PDB file of N, CA and C in Angstrom:
ATOM      1  N   UNK A   1       0.853  -1.171   0.000  1.00  0.00           N
ATOM      2  CA  UNK A   1       0.000   0.000   0.000  1.00  0.00           C
ATOM      3  C   UNK A   1       0.897   1.233   0.000  1.00  0.00           C
ATOM      4  N   UNK A   2       0.555   2.207  -0.769  1.00  0.00           N
ATOM      5  CA  UNK A   2       1.358   3.412  -0.908  1.00  0.00           C
ATOM      6  C   UNK A   2       1.025   4.432   0.169  1.00  0.00           C
ATOM      7  N   UNK A   3       1.874   5.420   0.280  1.00  0.00           N
ATOM      8  CA  UNK A   3       1.647   6.542   1.193  1.00  0.00           C
ATOM      9  C   UNK A   3       0.630   7.477   0.553  1.00  0.00           C
ATOM     10  N   UNK A   4      -0.328   7.975   1.314  1.00  0.00           N
ATOM     11  CA  UNK A   4      -1.296   8.948   0.810  1.00  0.00           C
ATOM     12  C   UNK A   4      -1.227  10.200   1.667  1.00  0.00           C
ATOM     13  N   UNK A   5      -1.070  11.359   1.008  1.00  0.00           N
ATOM     14  CA  UNK A   5      -1.039  12.651   1.688  1.00  0.00           C
ATOM     15  C   UNK A   5      -2.317  13.391   1.360  1.00  0.00           C
ATOM     16  N   UNK A   6      -2.885  14.075   2.334  1.00  0.00           N
ATOM     17  CA  UNK A   6      -4.089  14.871   2.140  1.00  0.00           C
ATOM     18  C   UNK A   6      -3.781  16.319   2.476  1.00  0.00           C
ATOM     19  N   UNK A   7      -4.057  17.213   1.533  1.00  0.00           N
ATOM     20  CA  UNK A   7      -3.795  18.633   1.759  1.00  0.00           C
ATOM     21  C   UNK A   7      -4.858  19.197   2.684  1.00  0.00           C
ATOM     22  N   UNK A   8      -4.441  19.954   3.680  1.00  0.00           N
ATOM     23  CA  UNK A   8      -5.381  20.613   4.563  1.00  0.00           C
ATOM     24  C   UNK A   8      -5.861  21.894   3.897  1.00  0.00           C
ATOM     25  N   UNK A   9      -7.132  22.232   4.069  1.00  0.00           N
ATOM     26  CA  UNK A   9      -7.740  23.354   3.362  1.00  0.00           C
ATOM     27  C   UNK A   9      -7.416  24.703   3.997  1.00  0.00           C
ATOM     28  N   UNK A  10      -7.485  25.748   3.170  1.00  0.00           N
ATOM     29  CA  UNK A  10      -7.374  27.110   3.646  1.00  0.00           C
ATOM     30  C   UNK A  10      -8.716  27.554   4.226  1.00  0.00           C
ATOM     31  N   UNK A  11      -8.722  28.624   5.009  1.00  0.00           N
ATOM     32  CA  UNK A  11      -9.933  29.087   5.685  1.00  0.00           C
ATOM     33  C   UNK A  11     -11.076  29.357   4.709  1.00  0.00           C
ATOM     34  N   UNK A  12     -10.789  29.885   3.530  1.00  0.00           N
ATOM     35  CA  UNK A  12     -11.845  30.181   2.557  1.00  0.00           C
ATOM     36  C   UNK A  12     -12.491  28.915   1.989  1.00  0.00           C
ATOM     37  N   UNK A  13     -11.860  27.762   2.192  1.00  0.00           N
ATOM     38  CA  UNK A  13     -12.366  26.508   1.645  1.00  0.00           C
ATOM     39  C   UNK A  13     -13.133  25.674   2.669  1.00  0.00           C
ATOM     40  N   UNK A  14     -13.290  26.186   3.874  1.00  0.00           N
ATOM     41  CA  UNK A  14     -13.944  25.416   4.929  1.00  0.00           C
ATOM     42  C   UNK A  14     -15.020  26.246   5.618  1.00  0.00           C
ATOM     43  N   UNK A  15     -15.857  25.587   6.385  1.00  0.00           N
ATOM     44  CA  UNK A  15     -16.845  26.278   7.218  1.00  0.00           C
ATOM     45  C   UNK A  15     -16.130  26.658   8.504  1.00  0.00           C
ATOM     46  N   UNK A  16     -16.074  27.940   8.808  1.00  0.00           N
ATOM     47  CA  UNK A  16     -15.341  28.383   9.988  1.00  0.00           C
ATOM     48  C   UNK A  16     -16.241  28.418  11.218  1.00  0.00           C
ATOM     49  N   UNK A  17     -15.617  28.460  12.373  1.00  0.00           N
ATOM     50  CA  UNK A  17     -16.361  28.482  13.622  1.00  0.00           C
ATOM     51  C   UNK A  17     -17.128  29.774  13.820  1.00  0.00           C
ATOM     52  N   UNK A  18     -16.855  30.812  13.012  1.00  0.00           N
ATOM     53  CA  UNK A  18     -17.585  32.081  13.131  1.00  0.00           C
ATOM     54  C   UNK A  18     -19.076  31.910  12.850  1.00  0.00           C
ATOM     55  N   UNK A  19     -19.437  30.866  12.102  1.00  0.00           N
ATOM     56  CA  UNK A  19     -20.844  30.611  11.804  1.00  0.00           C
ATOM     57  C   UNK A  19     -21.593  30.148  13.058  1.00  0.00           C
ATOM     58  N   UNK A  20     -20.882  29.573  13.991  1.00  0.00           N
ATOM     59  CA  UNK A  20     -21.485  29.086  15.227  1.00  0.00           C
ATOM     60  C   UNK A  20     -21.400  30.191  16.272  1.00  0.00           C
ATOM     61  N   UNK A  21     -22.530  30.776  16.614  1.00  0.00           N
ATOM     62  CA  UNK A  21     -22.527  31.938  17.503  1.00  0.00           C
ATOM     63  C   UNK A  21     -22.941  31.623  18.931  1.00  0.00           C
ATOM     64  N   UNK A  22     -23.479  30.430  19.182  1.00  0.00           N
ATOM     65  CA  UNK A  22     -23.906  30.086  20.539  1.00  0.00           C
ATOM     66  C   UNK A  22     -23.644  28.607  20.805  1.00  0.00           C
ATOM     67  N   UNK A  23     -23.473  28.274  22.063  1.00  0.00           N
ATOM     68  CA  UNK A  23     -23.285  26.889  22.476  1.00  0.00           C
ATOM     69  C   UNK A  23     -24.473  26.060  22.006  1.00  0.00           C
ATOM     70  N   UNK A  24     -24.200  24.928  21.354  1.00  0.00           N
ATOM     71  CA  UNK A  24     -25.252  24.031  20.903  1.00  0.00           C
ATOM     72  C   UNK A  24     -25.704  24.247  19.475  1.00  0.00           C
ATOM     73  N   UNK A  25     -25.195  25.290  18.787  1.00  0.00           N
ATOM     74  CA  UNK A  25     -25.571  25.511  17.386  1.00  0.00           C
ATOM     75  C   UNK A  25     -25.249  24.286  16.543  1.00  0.00           C
ATOM     76  N   UNK A  26     -26.092  24.033  15.541  1.00  0.00           N
ATOM     77  CA  UNK A  26     -25.879  22.937  14.594  1.00  0.00           C
ATOM     78  C   UNK A  26     -25.704  23.522  13.203  1.00  0.00           C
ATOM     79  N   UNK A  27     -24.888  22.861  12.379  1.00  0.00           N
ATOM     80  CA  UNK A  27     -24.701  23.303  10.998  1.00  0.00           C
ATOM     81  C   UNK A  27     -25.566  22.477  10.065  1.00  0.00           C
ATOM     82  N   UNK A  28     -26.115  23.130   9.038  1.00  0.00           N
ATOM     83  CA  UNK A  28     -26.845  22.442   7.980  1.00  0.00           C
ATOM     84  C   UNK A  28     -26.716  23.269   6.712  1.00  0.00           C
ATOM     85  N   UNK A  29     -27.105  22.712   5.566  1.00  0.00           N
ATOM     86  CA  UNK A  29     -27.056  23.438   4.302  1.00  0.00           C
ATOM     87  C   UNK A  29     -28.431  24.026   4.021  1.00  0.00           C
ATOM     88  N   UNK A  30     -28.519  25.354   3.982  1.00  0.00           N
ATOM     89  CA  UNK A  30     -29.791  26.003   3.675  1.00  0.00           C
ATOM     90  C   UNK A  30     -30.046  25.991   2.167  1.00  0.00           C
ATOM     91  N   UNK A  31     -29.018  25.789   1.386  1.00  0.00           N
ATOM     92  CA  UNK A  31     -29.070  25.597  -0.068  1.00  0.00           C
ATOM     93  C   UNK A  31     -27.756  24.931  -0.445  1.00  0.00           C
ATOM     94  N   UNK A  32     -27.637  24.477  -1.670  1.00  0.00           N
ATOM     95  CA  UNK A  32     -26.402  23.822  -2.101  1.00  0.00           C
ATOM     96  C   UNK A  32     -25.220  24.757  -1.905  1.00  0.00           C
ATOM     97  N   UNK A  33     -24.220  24.306  -1.169  1.00  0.00           N
ATOM     98  CA  UNK A  33     -23.023  25.100  -0.940  1.00  0.00           C
ATOM     99  C   UNK A  33     -23.215  26.286  -0.014  1.00  0.00           C
ATOM    100  N   UNK A  34     -24.337  26.318   0.726  1.00  0.00           N
ATOM    101  CA  UNK A  34     -24.620  27.444   1.610  1.00  0.00           C
ATOM    102  C   UNK A  34     -24.809  26.941   3.040  1.00  0.00           C
ATOM    103  N   UNK A  35     -23.772  27.039   3.864  1.00  0.00           N
ATOM    104  CA  UNK A  35     -23.904  26.590   5.246  1.00  0.00           C
ATOM    105  C   UNK A  35     -24.744  27.566   6.067  1.00  0.00           C
ATOM    106  N   UNK A  36     -25.478  27.023   7.026  1.00  0.00           N
ATOM    107  CA  UNK A  36     -26.291  27.835   7.937  1.00  0.00           C
ATOM    108  C   UNK A  36     -26.226  27.191   9.308  1.00  0.00           C
ATOM    109  N   UNK A  37     -26.568  27.963  10.331  1.00  0.00           N
ATOM    110  CA  UNK A  37     -26.572  27.455  11.702  1.00  0.00           C
ATOM    111  C   UNK A  37     -27.994  27.409  12.226  1.00  0.00           C
ATOM    112  N   UNK A  38     -28.283  26.401  13.002  1.00  0.00           N
ATOM    113  CA  UNK A  38     -29.572  26.259  13.672  1.00  0.00           C
ATOM    114  C   UNK A  38     -29.290  26.311  15.170  1.00  0.00           C
ATOM    115  N   UNK A  39     -29.945  27.228  15.874  1.00  0.00           N
ATOM    116  CA  UNK A  39     -29.734  27.353  17.314  1.00  0.00           C
ATOM    117  C   UNK A  39     -30.177  26.084  18.023  1.00  0.00           C
ATOM    118  N   UNK A  40     -29.558  25.824  19.152  1.00  0.00           N
ATOM    119  CA  UNK A  40     -29.905  24.646  19.937  1.00  0.00           C
ATOM    120  C   UNK A  40     -31.388  24.694  20.306  1.00  0.00           C
ATOM    121  N   UNK A  41     -32.004  23.525  20.374  1.00  0.00           N
ATOM    122  CA  UNK A  41     -33.427  23.457  20.694  1.00  0.00           C
ATOM    123  C   UNK A  41     -33.700  23.519  22.182  1.00  0.00           C
ATOM    124  N   UNK A  42     -34.960  23.580  22.508  1.00  0.00           N
ATOM    125  CA  UNK A  42     -35.410  23.595  23.888  1.00  0.00           C
ATOM    126  C   UNK A  42     -35.357  22.171  24.449  1.00  0.00           C
ATOM    127  N   UNK A  43     -35.192  22.028  25.774  1.00  0.00           N
ATOM    128  CA  UNK A  43     -35.222  20.703  26.393  1.00  0.00           C
ATOM    129  C   UNK A  43     -36.489  19.959  25.968  1.00  0.00           C
ATOM    130  N   UNK A  44     -36.340  18.663  25.745  1.00  0.00           N
ATOM    131  CA  UNK A  44     -37.425  17.770  25.351  1.00  0.00           C
ATOM    132  C   UNK A  44     -37.974  18.063  23.957  1.00  0.00           C
ATOM    133  N   UNK A  45     -37.181  18.696  23.110  1.00  0.00           N
ATOM    134  CA  UNK A  45     -37.520  18.881  21.703  1.00  0.00           C
ATOM    135  C   UNK A  45     -36.614  17.977  20.880  1.00  0.00           C
ATOM    136  N   UNK A  46     -37.093  17.515  19.734  1.00  0.00           N
ATOM    137  CA  UNK A  46     -36.284  16.702  18.835  1.00  0.00           C
ATOM    138  C   UNK A  46     -36.139  17.429  17.513  1.00  0.00           C
ATOM    139  N   UNK A  47     -35.118  17.068  16.784  1.00  0.00           N
ATOM    140  CA  UNK A  47     -34.864  17.690  15.493  1.00  0.00           C
ATOM    141  C   UNK A  47     -35.623  16.927  14.414  1.00  0.00           C
ATOM    142  N   UNK A  48     -36.431  17.640  13.661  1.00  0.00           N
ATOM    143  CA  UNK A  48     -37.192  17.072  12.541  1.00  0.00           C
ATOM    144  C   UNK A  48     -36.862  17.863  11.296  1.00  0.00           C
ATOM    145  N   UNK A  49     -37.146  17.282  10.130  1.00  0.00           N
ATOM    146  CA  UNK A  49     -36.954  17.981   8.866  1.00  0.00           C
ATOM    147  C   UNK A  49     -38.319  18.166   8.220  1.00  0.00           C
ATOM    148  N   UNK A  50     -38.600  19.410   7.839  1.00  0.00           N
ATOM    149  CA  UNK A  50     -39.849  19.747   7.173  1.00  0.00           C
ATOM    150  C   UNK A  50     -39.519  20.583   5.951  1.00  0.00           C
ATOM    151  N   UNK A  51     -39.875  20.111   4.781  1.00  0.00           N
ATOM    152  CA  UNK A  51     -39.578  20.797   3.522  1.00  0.00           C
ATOM    153  C   UNK A  51     -38.090  21.123   3.416  1.00  0.00           C
ATOM    154  N   UNK A  52     -37.258  20.126   3.648  1.00  0.00           N
ATOM    155  CA  UNK A  52     -35.806  20.233   3.518  1.00  0.00           C
ATOM    156  C   UNK A  52     -35.144  21.186   4.503  1.00  0.00           C
ATOM    157  N   UNK A  53     -35.838  21.585   5.556  1.00  0.00           N
ATOM    158  CA  UNK A  53     -35.276  22.498   6.547  1.00  0.00           C
ATOM    159  C   UNK A  53     -35.403  21.865   7.935  1.00  0.00           C
ATOM    160  N   UNK A  54     -34.302  21.777   8.684  1.00  0.00           N
ATOM    161  CA  UNK A  54     -34.404  21.216  10.031  1.00  0.00           C
ATOM    162  C   UNK A  54     -35.101  22.191  10.973  1.00  0.00           C
ATOM    163  N   UNK A  55     -35.871  21.637  11.888  1.00  0.00           N
ATOM    164  CA  UNK A  55     -36.581  22.458  12.879  1.00  0.00           C
ATOM    165  C   UNK A  55     -36.775  21.628  14.136  1.00  0.00           C
ATOM    166  N   UNK A  56     -36.955  22.298  15.270  1.00  0.00           N
ATOM    167  CA  UNK A  56     -37.165  21.624  16.548  1.00  0.00           C
ATOM    168  C   UNK A  56     -38.652  21.391  16.765  1.00  0.00           C
ATOM    169  N   UNK A  57     -38.996  20.219  17.326  1.00  0.00           N
ATOM    170  CA  UNK A  57     -40.383  19.852  17.576  1.00  0.00           C
ATOM    171  C   UNK A  57     -40.501  19.272  18.979  1.00  0.00           C
ATOM    172  N   UNK A  58     -41.536  19.679  19.709  1.00  0.00           N
ATOM    173  CA  UNK A  58     -41.728  19.215  21.085  1.00  0.00           C
ATOM    174  C   UNK A  58     -42.074  17.733  21.112  1.00  0.00           C
ATOM    175  N   UNK A  59     -41.597  17.054  22.146  1.00  0.00           N
ATOM    176  CA  UNK A  59     -41.940  15.651  22.380  1.00  0.00           C
ATOM    177  C   UNK A  59     -42.360  15.526  23.838  1.00  0.00           C
ATOM    178  N   UNK A  60     -42.771  14.337  24.230  1.00  0.00           N
ATOM    179  CA  UNK A  60     -43.130  14.097  25.626  1.00  0.00           C
ATOM    180  C   UNK A  60     -41.897  13.997  26.498  1.00  0.00           C
ATOM    181  N   UNK A  61     -42.087  13.596  27.725  1.00  0.00           N
ATOM    182  CA  UNK A  61     -40.978  13.447  28.676  1.00  0.00           C
ATOM    183  C   UNK A  61     -39.981  12.431  28.137  1.00  0.00           C
ATOM    184  N   UNK A  62     -38.697  12.682  28.312  1.00  0.00           N
ATOM    185  CA  UNK A  62     -37.689  11.757  27.788  1.00  0.00           C
ATOM    186  C   UNK A  62     -37.670  10.441  28.551  1.00  0.00           C
ATOM    187  N   UNK A  63     -37.403   9.372  27.822  1.00  0.00           N
ATOM    188  CA  UNK A  63     -37.246   8.050  28.427  1.00  0.00           C
ATOM    189  C   UNK A  63     -35.786   7.883  28.836  1.00  0.00           C
ATOM    190  N   UNK A  64     -35.524   6.915  29.710  1.00  0.00           N
ATOM    191  CA  UNK A  64     -34.141   6.640  30.101  1.00  0.00           C
ATOM    192  C   UNK A  64     -33.385   6.125  28.886  1.00  0.00           C
ATOM    193  N   UNK A  65     -32.179   6.606  28.686  1.00  0.00           N
ATOM    194  CA  UNK A  65     -31.351   6.188  27.559  1.00  0.00           C
ATOM    195  C   UNK A  65     -30.434   5.066  28.015  1.00  0.00           C
ATOM    196  N   UNK A  66     -30.455   3.961  27.308  1.00  0.00           N
ATOM    197  CA  UNK A  66     -29.570   2.859  27.651  1.00  0.00           C
ATOM    198  C   UNK A  66     -28.871   2.347  26.403  1.00  0.00           C
ATOM    199  N   UNK A  67     -27.689   1.791  26.598  1.00  0.00           N
ATOM    200  CA  UNK A  67     -26.919   1.172  25.535  1.00  0.00           C
ATOM    201  C   UNK A  67     -26.332  -0.101  26.110  1.00  0.00           C
ATOM    202  N   UNK A  68     -26.743  -1.224  25.561  1.00  0.00           N
ATOM    203  CA  UNK A  68     -26.281  -2.527  26.049  1.00  0.00           C
ATOM    204  C   UNK A  68     -26.504  -2.677  27.553  1.00  0.00           C
ATOM    205  N   UNK A  69     -27.665  -2.172  28.026  1.00  0.00           N
ATOM    206  CA  UNK A  69     -28.003  -2.314  29.427  1.00  0.00           C
ATOM    207  C   UNK A  69     -27.383  -1.293  30.349  1.00  0.00           C
ATOM    208  N   UNK A  70     -26.561  -0.387  29.826  1.00  0.00           N
ATOM    209  CA  UNK A  70     -25.920   0.637  30.643  1.00  0.00           C
ATOM    210  C   UNK A  70     -26.586   1.980  30.388  1.00  0.00           C
ATOM    211  N   UNK A  71     -26.812   2.741  31.437  1.00  0.00           N
ATOM    212  CA  UNK A  71     -27.409   4.066  31.288  1.00  0.00           C
ATOM    213  C   UNK A  71     -26.404   4.995  30.626  1.00  0.00           C
ATOM    214  N   UNK A  72     -26.852   5.718  29.597  1.00  0.00           N
ATOM    215  CA  UNK A  72     -25.980   6.649  28.876  1.00  0.00           C
ATOM    216  C   UNK A  72     -25.864   7.959  29.638  1.00  0.00           C
ATOM    217  N   UNK A  73     -24.770   8.674  29.428  1.00  0.00           N
ATOM    218  CA  UNK A  73     -24.571   9.966  30.069  1.00  0.00           C
ATOM    219  C   UNK A  73     -25.587  10.965  29.548  1.00  0.00           C
ATOM    220  N   UNK A  74     -26.141  11.787  30.447  1.00  0.00           N
ATOM    221  CA  UNK A  74     -27.124  12.791  30.051  1.00  0.00           C
ATOM    222  C   UNK A  74     -26.476  14.140  29.780  1.00  0.00           C
ATOM    223  N   UNK A  75     -25.241  14.333  30.165  1.00  0.00           N
ATOM    224  CA  UNK A  75     -24.577  15.633  29.998  1.00  0.00           C
ATOM    225  C   UNK A  75     -23.267  15.468  29.260  1.00  0.00           C
ATOM    226  N   UNK A  76     -22.420  16.451  29.405  1.00  0.00           N
ATOM    227  CA  UNK A  76     -21.125  16.432  28.742  1.00  0.00           C
ATOM    228  C   UNK A  76     -20.260  15.308  29.303  1.00  0.00           C
ATOM    229  N   UNK A  77     -19.488  14.684  28.444  1.00  0.00           N
ATOM    230  CA  UNK A  77     -18.565  13.639  28.845  1.00  0.00           C
ATOM    231  C   UNK A  77     -17.148  14.180  28.701  1.00  0.00           C
ATOM    232  N   UNK A  78     -16.378  14.145  29.762  1.00  0.00           N
ATOM    233  CA  UNK A  78     -15.015  14.649  29.745  1.00  0.00           C
ATOM    234  C   UNK A  78     -14.079  13.533  29.303  1.00  0.00           C
ATOM    235  N   UNK A  79     -13.442  13.712  28.141  1.00  0.00           N
ATOM    236  CA  UNK A  79     -12.516  12.711  27.634  1.00  0.00           C
ATOM    237  C   UNK A  79     -11.083  12.995  28.083  1.00  0.00           C
ATOM    238  N   UNK A  80     -10.920  13.999  28.938  1.00  0.00           N
ATOM    239  CA  UNK A  80      -9.600  14.333  29.463  1.00  0.00           C
ATOM    240  C   UNK A  80      -8.577  14.501  28.338  1.00  0.00           C
ATOM    241  N   UNK A  81      -8.878  15.395  27.395  1.00  0.00           N
ATOM    242  CA  UNK A  81      -7.990  15.615  26.252  1.00  0.00           C
ATOM    243  C   UNK A  81      -6.587  15.955  26.730  1.00  0.00           C
ATOM    244  N   UNK A  82      -5.640  15.342  26.097  1.00  0.00           N
ATOM    245  CA  UNK A  82      -4.246  15.548  26.459  1.00  0.00           C
ATOM    246  C   UNK A  82      -3.575  16.424  25.411  1.00  0.00           C
ATOM    247  N   UNK A  83      -2.571  17.196  25.817  1.00  0.00           N
ATOM    248  CA  UNK A  83      -1.851  18.013  24.867  1.00  0.00           C
ATOM    249  C   UNK A  83      -0.882  17.143  24.075  1.00  0.00           C
ATOM    250  N   UNK A  84      -0.540  17.618  22.882  1.00  0.00           N
ATOM    251  CA  UNK A  84       0.397  16.877  22.038  1.00  0.00           C
ATOM    252  C   UNK A  84       1.796  16.949  22.635  1.00  0.00           C
ATOM    253  N   UNK A  85       2.477  15.828  22.633  1.00  0.00           N
ATOM    254  CA  UNK A  85       3.867  15.797  23.061  1.00  0.00           C
ATOM    255  C   UNK A  85       4.680  15.174  21.939  1.00  0.00           C
ATOM    256  N   UNK A  86       5.908  15.582  21.799  1.00  0.00           N
ATOM    257  CA  UNK A  86       6.795  15.061  20.765  1.00  0.00           C
ATOM    258  C   UNK A  86       6.204  15.229  19.365  1.00  0.00           C
ATOM    259  N   UNK A  87       5.524  16.365  19.115  1.00  0.00           N
ATOM    260  CA  UNK A  87       4.915  16.634  17.817  1.00  0.00           C
ATOM    261  C   UNK A  87       5.998  17.028  16.824  1.00  0.00           C
ATOM    262  N   UNK A  88       5.993  16.366  15.670  1.00  0.00           N
ATOM    263  CA  UNK A  88       6.979  16.639  14.631  1.00  0.00           C
ATOM    264  C   UNK A  88       6.243  17.009  13.347  1.00  0.00           C
ATOM    265  N   UNK A  89       6.621  18.131  12.739  1.00  0.00           N
ATOM    266  CA  UNK A  89       6.097  18.532  11.436  1.00  0.00           C
ATOM    267  C   UNK A  89       7.280  18.542  10.478  1.00  0.00           C
ATOM    268  N   UNK A  90       7.236  17.627   9.497  1.00  0.00           N
ATOM    269  CA  UNK A  90       8.303  17.592   8.494  1.00  0.00           C
ATOM    270  C   UNK A  90       8.136  18.784   7.561  1.00  0.00           C
ATOM    271  N   UNK A  91       9.212  19.186   6.919  1.00  0.00           N
ATOM    272  CA  UNK A  91       9.196  20.275   5.953  1.00  0.00           C
ATOM    273  C   UNK A  91       9.845  19.784   4.661  1.00  0.00           C
ATOM    274  N   UNK A  92       9.168  20.053   3.525  1.00  0.00           N
ATOM    275  CA  UNK A  92       9.725  19.727   2.213  1.00  0.00           C
ATOM    276  C   UNK A  92       9.617  20.966   1.327  1.00  0.00           C
ATOM    277  N   UNK A  93      10.321  20.964   0.222  1.00  0.00           N
ATOM    278  CA  UNK A  93      10.339  22.119  -0.671  1.00  0.00           C
ATOM    279  C   UNK A  93       8.998  22.330  -1.366  1.00  0.00           C
ATOM    280  N   UNK A  94       8.358  21.224  -1.796  1.00  0.00           N
ATOM    281  CA  UNK A  94       7.082  21.340  -2.515  1.00  0.00           C
ATOM    282  C   UNK A  94       6.322  20.022  -2.407  1.00  0.00           C
ATOM    283  N   UNK A  95       5.089  19.993  -2.921  1.00  0.00           N
ATOM    284  CA  UNK A  95       4.250  18.798  -2.816  1.00  0.00           C
ATOM    285  C   UNK A  95       4.888  17.589  -3.491  1.00  0.00           C
ATOM    286  N   UNK A  96       5.621  17.809  -4.573  1.00  0.00           N
ATOM    287  CA  UNK A  96       6.276  16.698  -5.272  1.00  0.00           C
ATOM    288  C   UNK A  96       7.310  16.012  -4.387  1.00  0.00           C
ATOM    289  N   UNK A  97       7.798  16.708  -3.374  1.00  0.00           N
ATOM    290  CA  UNK A  97       8.832  16.162  -2.488  1.00  0.00           C
ATOM    291  C   UNK A  97       8.258  15.495  -1.235  1.00  0.00           C
ATOM    292  N   UNK A  98       6.918  15.349  -1.145  1.00  0.00           N
ATOM    293  CA  UNK A  98       6.338  14.668   0.017  1.00  0.00           C
ATOM    294  C   UNK A  98       6.894  13.258   0.116  1.00  0.00           C
ATOM    295  N   UNK A  99       7.249  12.793   1.303  1.00  0.00           N
ATOM    296  CA  UNK A  99       7.845  11.462   1.452  1.00  0.00           C
ATOM    297  C   UNK A  99       6.917  10.357   0.956  1.00  0.00           C
ATOM    298  N   UNK A 100       7.518   9.323   0.375  1.00  0.00           N
ATOM    299  CA  UNK A 100       6.749   8.201  -0.135  1.00  0.00           C
ATOM    300  C   UNK A 100       6.917   6.937   0.685  1.00  0.00           C
ATOM    301  N   UNK A 101       7.681   7.003   1.755  1.00  0.00           N
ATOM    302  CA  UNK A 101       7.915   5.822   2.592  1.00  0.00           C
ATOM    303  C   UNK A 101       8.328   6.281   3.986  1.00  0.00           C
ATOM    304  N   UNK A 102       8.299   5.333   4.919  1.00  0.00           N
ATOM    305  CA  UNK A 102       8.714   5.578   6.301  1.00  0.00           C
ATOM    306  C   UNK A 102       7.974   6.739   6.947  1.00  0.00           C
ATOM    307  N   UNK A 103       6.651   6.768   6.769  1.00  0.00           N
ATOM    308  CA  UNK A 103       5.805   7.807   7.334  1.00  0.00           C
ATOM    309  C   UNK A 103       4.675   7.136   8.097  1.00  0.00           C
ATOM    310  N   UNK A 104       4.273   7.714   9.209  1.00  0.00           N
ATOM    311  CA  UNK A 104       3.183   7.161  10.019  1.00  0.00           C
ATOM    312  C   UNK A 104       1.885   7.917   9.733  1.00  0.00           C
ATOM    313  N   UNK A 105       0.765   7.234   9.871  1.00  0.00           N
ATOM    314  CA  UNK A 105      -0.532   7.885   9.739  1.00  0.00           C
ATOM    315  C   UNK A 105      -0.615   8.995  10.776  1.00  0.00           C
ATOM    316  N   UNK A 106      -1.066  10.160  10.346  1.00  0.00           N
ATOM    317  CA  UNK A 106      -1.163  11.309  11.221  1.00  0.00           C
ATOM    318  C   UNK A 106       0.043  12.236  11.153  1.00  0.00           C
ATOM    319  N   UNK A 107       1.104  11.792  10.468  1.00  0.00           N
ATOM    320  CA  UNK A 107       2.302  12.626  10.341  1.00  0.00           C
ATOM    321  C   UNK A 107       1.989  13.869   9.522  1.00  0.00           C
ATOM    322  N   UNK A 108       2.441  15.029   9.980  1.00  0.00           N
ATOM    323  CA  UNK A 108       2.241  16.296   9.283  1.00  0.00           C
ATOM    324  C   UNK A 108       3.463  16.632   8.443  1.00  0.00           C
ATOM    325  N   UNK A 109       3.224  17.288   7.299  1.00  0.00           N
ATOM    326  CA  UNK A 109       4.327  17.736   6.464  1.00  0.00           C
ATOM    327  C   UNK A 109       3.958  19.075   5.829  1.00  0.00           C
ATOM    328  N   UNK A 110       4.836  20.065   5.960  1.00  0.00           N
ATOM    329  CA  UNK A 110       4.632  21.415   5.442  1.00  0.00           C
ATOM    330  C   UNK A 110       5.413  21.542   4.128  1.00  0.00           C
ATOM    331  N   UNK A 111       4.696  21.895   3.026  1.00  0.00           N
ATOM    332  CA  UNK A 111       5.341  22.139   1.734  1.00  0.00           C
ATOM    333  C   UNK A 111       5.581  23.641   1.621  1.00  0.00           C
ATOM    334  N   UNK A 112       6.838  24.049   1.744  1.00  0.00           N
ATOM    335  CA  UNK A 112       7.162  25.469   1.796  1.00  0.00           C
ATOM    336  C   UNK A 112       6.898  26.187   0.476  1.00  0.00           C
ATOM    337  N   UNK A 113       7.054  25.498  -0.657  1.00  0.00           N
ATOM    338  CA  UNK A 113       6.844  26.136  -1.954  1.00  0.00           C
ATOM    339  C   UNK A 113       5.408  26.545  -2.195  1.00  0.00           C
ATOM    340  N   UNK A 114       4.456  25.742  -1.698  1.00  0.00           N
ATOM    341  CA  UNK A 114       3.034  26.032  -1.881  1.00  0.00           C
ATOM    342  C   UNK A 114       2.390  26.605  -0.621  1.00  0.00           C
ATOM    343  N   UNK A 115       3.165  26.649   0.470  1.00  0.00           N
ATOM    344  CA  UNK A 115       2.636  27.063   1.771  1.00  0.00           C
ATOM    345  C   UNK A 115       1.397  26.253   2.124  1.00  0.00           C
ATOM    346  N   UNK A 116       1.536  24.908   2.034  1.00  0.00           N
ATOM    347  CA  UNK A 116       0.399  24.028   2.303  1.00  0.00           C
ATOM    348  C   UNK A 116       0.790  22.948   3.301  1.00  0.00           C
ATOM    349  N   UNK A 117      -0.145  22.624   4.186  1.00  0.00           N
ATOM    350  CA  UNK A 117       0.062  21.595   5.198  1.00  0.00           C
ATOM    351  C   UNK A 117      -0.638  20.319   4.768  1.00  0.00           C
ATOM    352  N   UNK A 118       0.047  19.194   4.930  1.00  0.00           N
ATOM    353  CA  UNK A 118      -0.494  17.900   4.514  1.00  0.00           C
ATOM    354  C   UNK A 118      -0.458  16.953   5.718  1.00  0.00           C
ATOM    355  N   UNK A 119      -1.351  15.957   5.697  1.00  0.00           N
ATOM    356  CA  UNK A 119      -1.351  14.937   6.748  1.00  0.00           C
ATOM    357  C   UNK A 119      -1.400  13.565   6.078  1.00  0.00           C
ATOM    358  N   UNK A 120      -0.603  12.632   6.567  1.00  0.00           N
ATOM    359  CA  UNK A 120      -0.580  11.280   6.029  1.00  0.00           C
ATOM    360  C   UNK A 120      -1.836  10.544   6.506  1.00  0.00           C
ATOM    361  N   UNK A 121      -2.658  10.079   5.570  1.00  0.00           N
ATOM    362  CA  UNK A 121      -3.901   9.386   5.919  1.00  0.00           C
ATOM    363  C   UNK A 121      -3.837   7.892   5.645  1.00  0.00           C
ATOM    364  N   UNK A 122      -2.880   7.447   4.838  1.00  0.00           N
ATOM    365  CA  UNK A 122      -2.676   6.016   4.598  1.00  0.00           C
ATOM    366  C   UNK A 122      -1.171   5.780   4.531  1.00  0.00           C
ATOM    367  N   UNK A 123      -0.692   4.781   5.257  1.00  0.00           N
ATOM    368  CA  UNK A 123       0.746   4.460   5.239  1.00  0.00           C
ATOM    369  C   UNK A 123       0.920   2.972   5.060  1.00  0.00           C
ATOM    370  N   UNK A 124       2.045   2.586   4.456  1.00  0.00           N
ATOM    371  CA  UNK A 124       2.333   1.166   4.241  1.00  0.00           C
ATOM    372  C   UNK A 124       2.888   0.539   5.484  1.00  0.00           C
TER     373      UNK A 124
END
């Protein structure tokens, strides 16, 4: 299997966090290629789609949530995110010089000629 590099996008090519203005906002497409935000719903409301537009709809009292017999968390779950240690970003002259071997999945590489950041998504 060969090495595969994926170019990371510039800000103009992605949906930025500026579209999300409040805790709980959801993203959806209001038209083709047009991102929009939907404010978080009220407690005990569910998300429904009506005429291709998501909207919140009231439901009855919530039932207990279980998964394989275990009660699911009702609030935020803390995954204790850890900071990166021993982070290495390789540098090459251009995209043509991206390494083709001895690279790990998740390895970052900066192409100085194009000013583009790449991440290895498949490695042999």
